[in-house]
Amino acid sequence: MSKIKFTKMHGAGNDYVYIDCHAQVVEQPEALARLMSDRHTGVGGDGLVLIMPSETCDLRMRIFNADGSEAEMCGNASRCIGKYAYEHKLTDKLHLTLETRSGVKHLWLHVNDRQQVSSVTVDMGAADVIRHPANGRPMIRQCIEAGDFQTCMTAVSMGNPHCVCFVPSLGSVDVQHVGPLLEHHSLFPNRTNVEFAELITDTEIRMRVWERGSGETLACGTGACATAVAAVLNGLCPPDADIRLHLPGGTLTVNWHQQENHVLMSGPAQEIFSGEMLITPAMINTRQSTPA
């Protein structure tokens, strides 16, 4: 039996279990993610995030979805890592570099007069339009079907894949039914995150997210970025504008500097609680199955 120290944090409601790997070694993170993310028998969260030393950056992030699959990037988790690192004395810098599976990300910490990180801006890097797996054409306003759901979607990569669907009303979409169908659609061989977006004004969007490997989440940073980029590509929002994305868990602000192709995202990060979880080999062994 061993004890794993963890901190529960969320960014706009997108909650993860964070483990500081400067102080402890994590083995079998895929199984541990399934175990600790369980909202009934574990800590509960959308996944597991490892905060690790890096040979090239200030910090390194590994992120595992609730089903144990490893993700390339998470904007909300990046902001939370910035807050954790500063408030837990891993750094005194206000500009951090973060190594991720989708490249190096830059974080700017906004600190209040109580020396607490109130918000974080992340340079999410470049946005790329995903191409059709059969004909190689950019998937902008690509027709797609999932059961009886039909729409045009725009596929954007923020280091991880996103299928952005603009709909007349979020209330008309059965996210729990359509989300998994689109996640596993044949257009996305490695599965995809799915965003359903309703335009409010030319700088405000209301959205819901079906996250690959986790199901519906209260927020998704890369999803908000992908949605803002898709809105500009579809002529719904102006380029180089601050676009406010309203998600069930809170609001994120995204600006796509189109000429340089850099996406900046700003939003909150919140620590909820810290604790220890007792882990036995039997508990890990029961979570070893490969995700679908």
C-alpha atoms as a PDB file:
ATOM      1  CA  MET A   1       0.000   0.000   0.000  1.00  0.00           C
ATOM      2  CA  SER A   2       1.241   3.497  -0.837  1.00  0.00           C
ATOM      3  CA  LYS A   3       0.007   7.039  -0.372  1.00  0.00           C
ATOM      4  CA  ILE A   4      -0.316   9.411  -3.325  1.00  0.00           C
ATOM      5  CA  LYS A   5      -0.381  13.108  -2.466  1.00  0.00           C
ATOM      6  CA  PHE A   6      -2.578  15.134  -4.798  1.00  0.00           C
ATOM      7  CA  THR A   7      -4.204  18.513  -5.294  1.00  0.00           C
ATOM      8  CA  LYS A   8      -7.633  18.959  -6.868  1.00  0.00           C
ATOM      9  CA  MET A   9      -7.893  22.035  -9.131  1.00  0.00           C
ATOM     10  CA  HIS A  10     -10.215  23.346 -11.802  1.00  0.00           C
ATOM     11  CA  GLY A  11     -10.149  25.888 -14.592  1.00  0.00           C
ATOM     12  CA  ALA A  12     -13.660  27.170 -15.358  1.00  0.00           C
ATOM     13  CA  GLY A  13     -15.050  23.905 -13.978  1.00  0.00           C
ATOM     14  CA  ASN A  14     -12.723  21.608 -15.956  1.00  0.00           C
ATOM     15  CA  ASP A  15     -11.430  19.668 -12.943  1.00  0.00           C
ATOM     16  CA  TYR A  16      -8.370  17.442 -12.701  1.00  0.00           C
ATOM     17  CA  VAL A  17      -6.370  15.645 -10.051  1.00  0.00           C
ATOM     18  CA  TYR A  18      -2.841  17.114  -9.985  1.00  0.00           C
ATOM     19  CA  ILE A  19       0.230  15.269  -8.728  1.00  0.00           C
ATOM     20  CA  ASP A  20       3.512  17.079  -8.113  1.00  0.00           C
ATOM     21  CA  CYS A  21       6.157  14.716  -9.489  1.00  0.00           C
ATOM     22  CA  HIS A  22       8.990  16.795  -8.088  1.00  0.00           C
ATOM     23  CA  ALA A  23       8.175  15.168  -4.775  1.00  0.00           C
ATOM     24  CA  GLN A  24       7.002  11.658  -5.725  1.00  0.00           C
ATOM     25  CA  VAL A  25       7.217   9.098  -8.506  1.00  0.00           C
ATOM     26  CA  VAL A  26       4.080   8.017 -10.344  1.00  0.00           C
ATOM     27  CA  GLU A  27       4.015   4.586 -11.925  1.00  0.00           C
ATOM     28  CA  GLN A  28       1.291   3.256 -14.236  1.00  0.00           C
ATOM     29  CA  PRO A  29      -0.311   6.703 -14.730  1.00  0.00           C
ATOM     30  CA  GLU A  30      -2.952   5.351 -17.155  1.00  0.00           C
ATOM     31  CA  ALA A  31      -4.433   3.042 -14.520  1.00  0.00           C
ATOM     32  CA  LEU A  32      -3.967   5.672 -11.810  1.00  0.00           C
ATOM     33  CA  ALA A  33      -5.925   8.177 -13.919  1.00  0.00           C
ATOM     34  CA  ARG A  34      -8.864   5.789 -14.199  1.00  0.00           C
ATOM     35  CA  LEU A  35      -8.723   5.089 -10.474  1.00  0.00           C
ATOM     36  CA  MET A  36      -8.374   8.635  -9.160  1.00  0.00           C
ATOM     37  CA  SER A  37     -10.762  10.229 -11.689  1.00  0.00           C
ATOM     38  CA  ASP A  38     -13.670   8.045 -10.636  1.00  0.00           C
ATOM     39  CA  ARG A  39     -16.218  10.346  -8.989  1.00  0.00           C
ATOM     40  CA  HIS A  40     -17.637   7.547  -6.830  1.00  0.00           C
ATOM     41  CA  THR A  41     -14.604   5.544  -5.692  1.00  0.00           C
ATOM     42  CA  GLY A  42     -11.709   7.951  -6.317  1.00  0.00           C
ATOM     43  CA  VAL A  43     -11.000  11.659  -5.935  1.00  0.00           C
ATOM     44  CA  GLY A  44     -13.139  12.568  -8.914  1.00  0.00           C
ATOM     45  CA  GLY A  45     -12.208  14.609 -11.961  1.00  0.00           C
ATOM     46  CA  ASP A  46     -11.972  14.848 -15.727  1.00  0.00           C
ATOM     47  CA  GLY A  47      -8.534  13.242 -15.574  1.00  0.00           C
ATOM     48  CA  LEU A  48      -5.080  13.204 -14.026  1.00  0.00           C
ATOM     49  CA  VAL A  49      -2.320  15.785 -14.543  1.00  0.00           C
ATOM     50  CA  LEU A  50       1.335  15.173 -13.685  1.00  0.00           C
ATOM     51  CA  ILE A  51       3.457  18.255 -12.900  1.00  0.00           C
ATOM     52  CA  MET A  52       6.982  17.177 -13.767  1.00  0.00           C
ATOM     53  CA  PRO A  53      10.526  18.535 -14.056  1.00  0.00           C
ATOM     54  CA  SER A  54      11.686  19.366 -17.580  1.00  0.00           C
ATOM     55  CA  GLU A  55      15.147  19.425 -19.107  1.00  0.00           C
ATOM     56  CA  THR A  56      14.214  22.211 -21.540  1.00  0.00           C
ATOM     57  CA  CYS A  57      11.406  24.208 -19.880  1.00  0.00           C
ATOM     58  CA  ASP A  58      10.384  25.415 -16.438  1.00  0.00           C
ATOM     59  CA  LEU A  59       7.929  22.527 -16.107  1.00  0.00           C
ATOM     60  CA  ARG A  60       6.559  19.552 -17.990  1.00  0.00           C
ATOM     61  CA  MET A  61       2.926  18.420 -18.125  1.00  0.00           C
ATOM     62  CA  ARG A  62       1.506  14.978 -18.815  1.00  0.00           C
ATOM     63  CA  ILE A  63      -2.260  14.728 -18.883  1.00  0.00           C
ATOM     64  CA  PHE A  64      -4.423  11.604 -18.844  1.00  0.00           C
ATOM     65  CA  ASN A  65      -8.141  11.555 -19.533  1.00  0.00           C
ATOM     66  CA  ALA A  66     -10.554   9.851 -17.177  1.00  0.00           C
ATOM     67  CA  ASP A  67     -10.442   6.732 -19.359  1.00  0.00           C
ATOM     68  CA  GLY A  68      -6.648   6.535 -19.028  1.00  0.00           C
ATOM     69  CA  SER A  69      -5.799   7.720 -22.535  1.00  0.00           C
ATOM     70  CA  GLU A  70      -3.037  10.325 -22.713  1.00  0.00           C
ATOM     71  CA  ALA A  71      -3.953  13.719 -24.179  1.00  0.00           C
ATOM     72  CA  GLU A  72      -1.632  16.041 -26.059  1.00  0.00           C
ATOM     73  CA  MET A  73      -2.629  19.308 -24.415  1.00  0.00           C
ATOM     74  CA  CYS A  74      -5.144  21.001 -22.101  1.00  0.00           C
ATOM     75  CA  GLY A  75      -5.440  24.761 -21.769  1.00  0.00           C
ATOM     76  CA  ASN A  76      -7.327  24.700 -18.482  1.00  0.00           C
ATOM     77  CA  ALA A  77      -4.767  22.329 -16.960  1.00  0.00           C
ATOM     78  CA  SER A  78      -1.940  24.574 -18.189  1.00  0.00           C
ATOM     79  CA  ARG A  79      -3.393  27.528 -16.318  1.00  0.00           C
ATOM     80  CA  CYS A  80      -3.800  25.454 -13.167  1.00  0.00           C
ATOM     81  CA  ILE A  81      -0.181  24.296 -13.387  1.00  0.00           C
ATOM     82  CA  GLY A  82       0.921  27.937 -13.533  1.00  0.00           C
ATOM     83  CA  LYS A  83      -1.069  28.758 -10.410  1.00  0.00           C
ATOM     84  CA  TYR A  84       0.140  25.645  -8.579  1.00  0.00           C
ATOM     85  CA  ALA A  85       3.796  26.245  -9.454  1.00  0.00           C
ATOM     86  CA  TYR A  86       3.775  29.842  -8.230  1.00  0.00           C
ATOM     87  CA  GLU A  87       1.704  29.380  -5.072  1.00  0.00           C
ATOM     88  CA  HIS A  88       3.494  26.153  -4.061  1.00  0.00           C
ATOM     89  CA  LYS A  89       6.913  27.783  -4.534  1.00  0.00           C
ATOM     90  CA  LEU A  90       8.089  25.713  -7.481  1.00  0.00           C
ATOM     91  CA  THR A  91       8.944  29.020  -9.148  1.00  0.00           C
ATOM     92  CA  ASP A  92       8.852  32.761  -8.554  1.00  0.00           C
ATOM     93  CA  LYS A  93       8.599  33.558 -12.271  1.00  0.00           C
ATOM     94  CA  LEU A  94       5.547  35.256 -13.787  1.00  0.00           C
ATOM     95  CA  HIS A  95       6.389  33.964 -17.274  1.00  0.00           C
ATOM     96  CA  LEU A  96       6.760  30.195 -17.493  1.00  0.00           C
ATOM     97  CA  THR A  97       7.524  27.737 -20.261  1.00  0.00           C
ATOM     98  CA  LEU A  98       5.625  24.444 -20.165  1.00  0.00           C
ATOM     99  CA  GLU A  99       6.656  21.292 -22.037  1.00  0.00           C
ATOM    100  CA  THR A 100       3.670  19.366 -23.422  1.00  0.00           C
ATOM    101  CA  ARG A 101       3.112  16.599 -25.950  1.00  0.00           C
ATOM    102  CA  SER A 102       2.013  19.294 -28.428  1.00  0.00           C
ATOM    103  CA  GLY A 103       5.073  21.483 -27.940  1.00  0.00           C
ATOM    104  CA  VAL A 104       6.267  24.246 -25.626  1.00  0.00           C
ATOM    105  CA  LYS A 105       3.576  26.589 -24.256  1.00  0.00           C
ATOM    106  CA  HIS A 106       4.147  29.998 -22.670  1.00  0.00           C
ATOM    107  CA  LEU A 107       2.226  31.042 -19.542  1.00  0.00           C
ATOM    108  CA  TRP A 108       1.853  34.540 -18.118  1.00  0.00           C
ATOM    109  CA  LEU A 109       0.669  34.641 -14.504  1.00  0.00           C
ATOM    110  CA  HIS A 110      -1.466  37.530 -13.262  1.00  0.00           C
ATOM    111  CA  VAL A 111      -0.857  37.930  -9.525  1.00  0.00           C
ATOM    112  CA  ASN A 112      -2.986  39.998  -7.122  1.00  0.00           C
ATOM    113  CA  ASP A 113      -1.793  42.003  -4.120  1.00  0.00           C
ATOM    114  CA  ARG A 114      -2.100  38.880  -1.911  1.00  0.00           C
ATOM    115  CA  GLN A 115       0.451  37.107  -4.125  1.00  0.00           C
ATOM    116  CA  GLN A 116      -2.211  34.764  -5.447  1.00  0.00           C
ATOM    117  CA  VAL A 117      -2.544  33.907  -9.124  1.00  0.00           C
ATOM    118  CA  SER A 118      -5.929  35.301 -10.131  1.00  0.00           C
ATOM    119  CA  SER A 119      -5.747  34.334 -13.819  1.00  0.00           C
ATOM    120  CA  VAL A 120      -3.344  32.987 -16.394  1.00  0.00           C
ATOM    121  CA  THR A 121      -2.816  33.754 -20.078  1.00  0.00           C
ATOM    122  CA  VAL A 122      -1.530  30.885 -22.192  1.00  0.00           C
ATOM    123  CA  ASP A 123       0.010  31.150 -25.635  1.00  0.00           C
ATOM    124  CA  MET A 124      -1.596  28.049 -27.067  1.00  0.00           C
ATOM    125  CA  GLY A 125       0.550  28.175 -30.206  1.00  0.00           C
ATOM    126  CA  ALA A 126      -0.656  27.623 -33.741  1.00  0.00           C
ATOM    127  CA  ALA A 127      -4.079  26.521 -34.875  1.00  0.00           C
ATOM    128  CA  ASP A 128      -4.260  24.162 -37.835  1.00  0.00           C
ATOM    129  CA  VAL A 129      -7.231  23.085 -39.900  1.00  0.00           C
ATOM    130  CA  ILE A 130      -7.501  19.293 -39.946  1.00  0.00           C
ATOM    131  CA  ARG A 131      -7.615  17.742 -43.413  1.00  0.00           C
ATOM    132  CA  HIS A 132     -10.043  15.116 -44.641  1.00  0.00           C
ATOM    133  CA  PRO A 133      -8.468  11.667 -44.196  1.00  0.00           C
ATOM    134  CA  ALA A 134      -9.566  10.554 -47.685  1.00  0.00           C
ATOM    135  CA  ASN A 135      -9.127  13.555 -49.986  1.00  0.00           C
ATOM    136  CA  GLY A 136      -6.731  15.754 -47.978  1.00  0.00           C
ATOM    137  CA  ARG A 137      -8.920  18.858 -48.186  1.00  0.00           C
ATOM    138  CA  PRO A 138      -9.212  21.228 -45.198  1.00  0.00           C
ATOM    139  CA  MET A 139     -12.372  20.388 -43.261  1.00  0.00           C
ATOM    140  CA  ILE A 140     -14.053  23.793 -43.089  1.00  0.00           C
ATOM    141  CA  ARG A 141     -17.870  23.646 -43.243  1.00  0.00           C
ATOM    142  CA  GLN A 142     -17.566  19.900 -43.760  1.00  0.00           C
ATOM    143  CA  CYS A 143     -20.905  18.077 -43.753  1.00  0.00           C
ATOM    144  CA  ILE A 144     -21.085  15.420 -41.052  1.00  0.00           C
ATOM    145  CA  GLU A 145     -23.738  13.011 -39.772  1.00  0.00           C
ATOM    146  CA  ALA A 146     -24.088  11.242 -36.448  1.00  0.00           C
ATOM    147  CA  GLY A 147     -27.263   9.234 -36.187  1.00  0.00           C
ATOM    148  CA  ASP A 148     -30.081  11.671 -36.978  1.00  0.00           C
ATOM    149  CA  PHE A 149     -27.821  14.683 -36.249  1.00  0.00           C
ATOM    150  CA  GLN A 150     -26.620  16.480 -39.372  1.00  0.00           C
ATOM    151  CA  THR A 151     -24.571  19.667 -39.525  1.00  0.00           C
ATOM    152  CA  CYS A 152     -21.549  21.361 -41.045  1.00  0.00           C
ATOM    153  CA  MET A 153     -18.471  21.294 -38.849  1.00  0.00           C
ATOM    154  CA  THR A 154     -14.983  22.789 -38.913  1.00  0.00           C
ATOM    155  CA  ALA A 155     -12.114  20.614 -37.695  1.00  0.00           C
ATOM    156  CA  VAL A 156      -9.310  22.439 -35.900  1.00  0.00           C
ATOM    157  CA  SER A 157      -6.181  21.121 -34.212  1.00  0.00           C
ATOM    158  CA  MET A 158      -4.826  22.918 -31.159  1.00  0.00           C
ATOM    159  CA  GLY A 159      -2.248  20.162 -30.739  1.00  0.00           C
ATOM    160  CA  ASN A 160      -5.258  17.911 -30.190  1.00  0.00           C
ATOM    161  CA  PRO A 161      -8.226  17.415 -32.555  1.00  0.00           C
ATOM    162  CA  HIS A 162     -11.524  19.323 -32.347  1.00  0.00           C
ATOM    163  CA  CYS A 163     -14.765  19.019 -34.288  1.00  0.00           C
ATOM    164  CA  VAL A 164     -16.575  22.390 -33.953  1.00  0.00           C
ATOM    165  CA  CYS A 165     -20.288  22.424 -34.775  1.00  0.00           C
ATOM    166  CA  PHE A 166     -22.175  25.735 -34.870  1.00  0.00           C
ATOM    167  CA  VAL A 167     -25.830  25.174 -34.043  1.00  0.00           C
ATOM    168  CA  PRO A 168     -28.851  27.515 -33.854  1.00  0.00           C
ATOM    169  CA  SER A 169     -29.469  26.607 -30.211  1.00  0.00           C
ATOM    170  CA  LEU A 170     -27.519  24.525 -27.709  1.00  0.00           C
ATOM    171  CA  GLY A 171     -30.796  23.370 -26.228  1.00  0.00           C
ATOM    172  CA  SER A 172     -31.631  21.551 -29.456  1.00  0.00           C
ATOM    173  CA  VAL A 173     -28.606  19.228 -29.234  1.00  0.00           C
ATOM    174  CA  ASP A 174     -28.554  15.980 -27.249  1.00  0.00           C
ATOM    175  CA  VAL A 175     -24.876  16.272 -26.318  1.00  0.00           C
ATOM    176  CA  GLN A 176     -24.830  12.990 -24.395  1.00  0.00           C
ATOM    177  CA  HIS A 177     -26.050  11.110 -27.482  1.00  0.00           C
ATOM    178  CA  VAL A 178     -24.362  12.999 -30.327  1.00  0.00           C
ATOM    179  CA  GLY A 179     -21.052  13.695 -28.551  1.00  0.00           C
ATOM    180  CA  PRO A 180     -19.757  10.103 -28.436  1.00  0.00           C
ATOM    181  CA  LEU A 181     -20.923   9.435 -32.004  1.00  0.00           C
ATOM    182  CA  LEU A 182     -18.873  12.358 -33.300  1.00  0.00           C
ATOM    183  CA  GLU A 183     -15.933  11.493 -31.025  1.00  0.00           C
ATOM    184  CA  HIS A 184     -15.658   8.128 -32.763  1.00  0.00           C
ATOM    185  CA  HIS A 185     -16.606   9.341 -36.269  1.00  0.00           C
ATOM    186  CA  SER A 186     -14.616   7.856 -39.157  1.00  0.00           C
ATOM    187  CA  LEU A 187     -13.350  11.325 -40.132  1.00  0.00           C
ATOM    188  CA  PHE A 188     -11.228  11.234 -36.963  1.00  0.00           C
ATOM    189  CA  PRO A 189      -9.113   8.066 -36.840  1.00  0.00           C
ATOM    190  CA  ASN A 190      -7.706   8.991 -33.403  1.00  0.00           C
ATOM    191  CA  ARG A 191     -11.077  10.179 -32.075  1.00  0.00           C
ATOM    192  CA  THR A 192     -11.800  13.849 -31.463  1.00  0.00           C
ATOM    193  CA  ASN A 193     -13.062  16.407 -28.997  1.00  0.00           C
ATOM    194  CA  VAL A 194     -16.433  17.865 -29.985  1.00  0.00           C
ATOM    195  CA  GLU A 195     -17.698  21.429 -29.489  1.00  0.00           C
ATOM    196  CA  PHE A 196     -21.292  22.571 -29.934  1.00  0.00           C
ATOM    197  CA  ALA A 197     -21.376  26.363 -30.274  1.00  0.00           C
ATOM    198  CA  GLU A 198     -24.157  28.959 -30.419  1.00  0.00           C
ATOM    199  CA  LEU A 199     -23.282  32.456 -31.626  1.00  0.00           C
ATOM    200  CA  ILE A 200     -24.534  35.236 -29.321  1.00  0.00           C
ATOM    201  CA  THR A 201     -22.767  38.231 -30.891  1.00  0.00           C
ATOM    202  CA  ASP A 202     -19.754  38.551 -33.171  1.00  0.00           C
ATOM    203  CA  THR A 203     -17.498  38.418 -30.085  1.00  0.00           C
ATOM    204  CA  GLU A 204     -19.491  36.123 -27.774  1.00  0.00           C
ATOM    205  CA  ILE A 205     -20.204  32.424 -28.101  1.00  0.00           C
ATOM    206  CA  ARG A 206     -22.024  29.990 -25.837  1.00  0.00           C
ATOM    207  CA  MET A 207     -20.738  26.409 -26.035  1.00  0.00           C
ATOM    208  CA  ARG A 208     -20.733  22.889 -24.648  1.00  0.00           C
ATOM    209  CA  VAL A 209     -17.917  20.358 -24.966  1.00  0.00           C
ATOM    210  CA  TRP A 210     -17.799  16.604 -25.347  1.00  0.00           C
ATOM    211  CA  GLU A 211     -14.187  15.831 -24.441  1.00  0.00           C
ATOM    212  CA  ARG A 212     -12.401  12.865 -25.964  1.00  0.00           C
ATOM    213  CA  GLY A 213     -11.910  10.216 -23.321  1.00  0.00           C
ATOM    214  CA  SER A 214     -13.776  12.105 -20.576  1.00  0.00           C
ATOM    215  CA  GLY A 215     -17.309  12.831 -21.794  1.00  0.00           C
ATOM    216  CA  GLU A 216     -19.023  16.179 -21.334  1.00  0.00           C
ATOM    217  CA  THR A 217     -16.930  18.606 -19.296  1.00  0.00           C
ATOM    218  CA  LEU A 218     -17.770  21.995 -17.830  1.00  0.00           C
ATOM    219  CA  ALA A 219     -14.993  23.659 -19.827  1.00  0.00           C
ATOM    220  CA  CYS A 220     -12.184  22.902 -22.270  1.00  0.00           C
ATOM    221  CA  GLY A 221      -9.427  25.413 -22.977  1.00  0.00           C
ATOM    222  CA  THR A 222      -8.269  23.926 -26.269  1.00  0.00           C
ATOM    223  CA  GLY A 223     -11.918  23.513 -27.229  1.00  0.00           C
ATOM    224  CA  ALA A 224     -12.600  27.194 -26.572  1.00  0.00           C
ATOM    225  CA  CYS A 225      -9.571  28.096 -28.709  1.00  0.00           C
ATOM    226  CA  ALA A 226     -10.653  25.785 -31.526  1.00  0.00           C
ATOM    227  CA  THR A 227     -14.167  27.237 -31.423  1.00  0.00           C
ATOM    228  CA  ALA A 228     -12.897  30.822 -31.637  1.00  0.00           C
ATOM    229  CA  VAL A 229     -10.652  29.912 -34.580  1.00  0.00           C
ATOM    230  CA  ALA A 230     -13.519  28.098 -36.325  1.00  0.00           C
ATOM    231  CA  ALA A 231     -15.776  31.129 -35.787  1.00  0.00           C
ATOM    232  CA  VAL A 232     -13.238  33.378 -37.544  1.00  0.00           C
ATOM    233  CA  LEU A 233     -12.728  30.872 -40.376  1.00  0.00           C
ATOM    234  CA  ASN A 234     -16.502  30.746 -40.906  1.00  0.00           C
ATOM    235  CA  GLY A 235     -16.845  34.541 -40.903  1.00  0.00           C
ATOM    236  CA  LEU A 236     -18.872  34.579 -37.693  1.00  0.00           C
ATOM    237  CA  CYS A 237     -16.336  36.565 -35.640  1.00  0.00           C
ATOM    238  CA  PRO A 238     -13.744  39.125 -36.754  1.00  0.00           C
ATOM    239  CA  PRO A 239     -10.045  38.212 -36.763  1.00  0.00           C
ATOM    240  CA  ASP A 240      -7.763  39.496 -33.983  1.00  0.00           C
ATOM    241  CA  ALA A 241     -10.723  40.131 -31.670  1.00  0.00           C
ATOM    242  CA  ASP A 242     -11.118  39.173 -28.015  1.00  0.00           C
ATOM    243  CA  ILE A 243     -13.805  36.486 -28.209  1.00  0.00           C
ATOM    244  CA  ARG A 244     -15.573  35.480 -25.003  1.00  0.00           C
ATOM    245  CA  LEU A 245     -16.496  31.799 -24.816  1.00  0.00           C
ATOM    246  CA  HIS A 246     -19.210  31.033 -22.258  1.00  0.00           C
ATOM    247  CA  LEU A 247     -19.047  27.433 -21.019  1.00  0.00           C
ATOM    248  CA  PRO A 248     -21.111  25.798 -18.258  1.00  0.00           C
ATOM    249  CA  GLY A 249     -18.185  26.189 -15.827  1.00  0.00           C
ATOM    250  CA  GLY A 250     -17.193  29.765 -16.649  1.00  0.00           C
ATOM    251  CA  THR A 251     -15.944  32.153 -19.317  1.00  0.00           C
ATOM    252  CA  LEU A 252     -12.665  32.093 -21.246  1.00  0.00           C
ATOM    253  CA  THR A 253     -11.305  34.826 -23.507  1.00  0.00           C
ATOM    254  CA  VAL A 254      -9.532  33.850 -26.720  1.00  0.00           C
ATOM    255  CA  ASN A 255      -7.718  35.981 -29.284  1.00  0.00           C
ATOM    256  CA  TRP A 256      -6.439  34.439 -32.501  1.00  0.00           C
ATOM    257  CA  HIS A 257      -3.639  36.540 -33.968  1.00  0.00           C
ATOM    258  CA  GLN A 258      -4.357  35.233 -37.430  1.00  0.00           C
ATOM    259  CA  GLN A 259      -1.372  36.640 -39.309  1.00  0.00           C
ATOM    260  CA  GLU A 260       1.142  35.151 -36.844  1.00  0.00           C
ATOM    261  CA  ASN A 261      -1.184  32.176 -36.206  1.00  0.00           C
ATOM    262  CA  HIS A 262      -0.905  32.335 -32.434  1.00  0.00           C
ATOM    263  CA  VAL A 263      -3.844  31.734 -30.139  1.00  0.00           C
ATOM    264  CA  LEU A 264      -3.895  33.426 -26.719  1.00  0.00           C
ATOM    265  CA  MET A 265      -6.292  32.186 -24.062  1.00  0.00           C
ATOM    266  CA  SER A 266      -6.978  33.795 -20.677  1.00  0.00           C
ATOM    267  CA  GLY A 267      -9.040  32.490 -17.794  1.00  0.00           C
ATOM    268  CA  PRO A 268      -9.190  31.551 -14.114  1.00  0.00           C
ATOM    269  CA  ALA A 269      -7.550  28.725 -12.182  1.00  0.00           C
ATOM    270  CA  GLN A 270      -8.688  27.537  -8.767  1.00  0.00           C
ATOM    271  CA  GLU A 271      -7.280  25.152  -6.162  1.00  0.00           C
ATOM    272  CA  ILE A 272     -10.044  23.205  -4.415  1.00  0.00           C
ATOM    273  CA  PHE A 273      -8.343  20.906  -1.906  1.00  0.00           C
ATOM    274  CA  SER A 274      -5.313  18.714  -1.298  1.00  0.00           C
ATOM    275  CA  GLY A 275      -5.087  15.274   0.235  1.00  0.00           C
ATOM    276  CA  GLU A 276      -3.683  11.756   0.122  1.00  0.00           C
ATOM    277  CA  MET A 277      -5.164   8.651  -1.452  1.00  0.00           C
ATOM    278  CA  LEU A 278      -4.229   5.139  -0.355  1.00  0.00           C
ATOM    279  CA  ILE A 279      -3.323   3.010  -3.373  1.00  0.00           C
ATOM    280  CA  THR A 280      -2.997  -0.778  -3.341  1.00  0.00           C
ATOM    281  CA  PRO A 281      -1.711  -3.009  -6.171  1.00  0.00           C
ATOM    282  CA  ALA A 282      -5.153  -4.619  -6.373  1.00  0.00           C
ATOM    283  CA  MET A 283      -6.777  -1.220  -6.968  1.00  0.00           C
ATOM    284  CA  ILE A 284      -4.371  -0.509  -9.836  1.00  0.00           C
ATOM    285  CA  ASN A 285      -4.750  -3.974 -11.325  1.00  0.00           C
ATOM    286  CA  THR A 286      -8.514  -3.596 -11.613  1.00  0.00           C
ATOM    287  CA  ARG A 287      -7.985  -0.413 -13.708  1.00  0.00           C
ATOM    288  CA  GLN A 288      -5.556  -1.894 -16.226  1.00  0.00           C
ATOM    289  CA  SER A 289      -8.043  -2.416 -19.054  1.00  0.00           C
ATOM    290  CA  THR A 290      -7.368  -0.542 -22.278  1.00  0.00           C
ATOM    291  CA  PRO A 291      -9.848   2.292 -23.036  1.00  0.00           C
ATOM    292  CA  ALA A 292     -12.219   1.797 -25.948  1.00  0.00           C
END
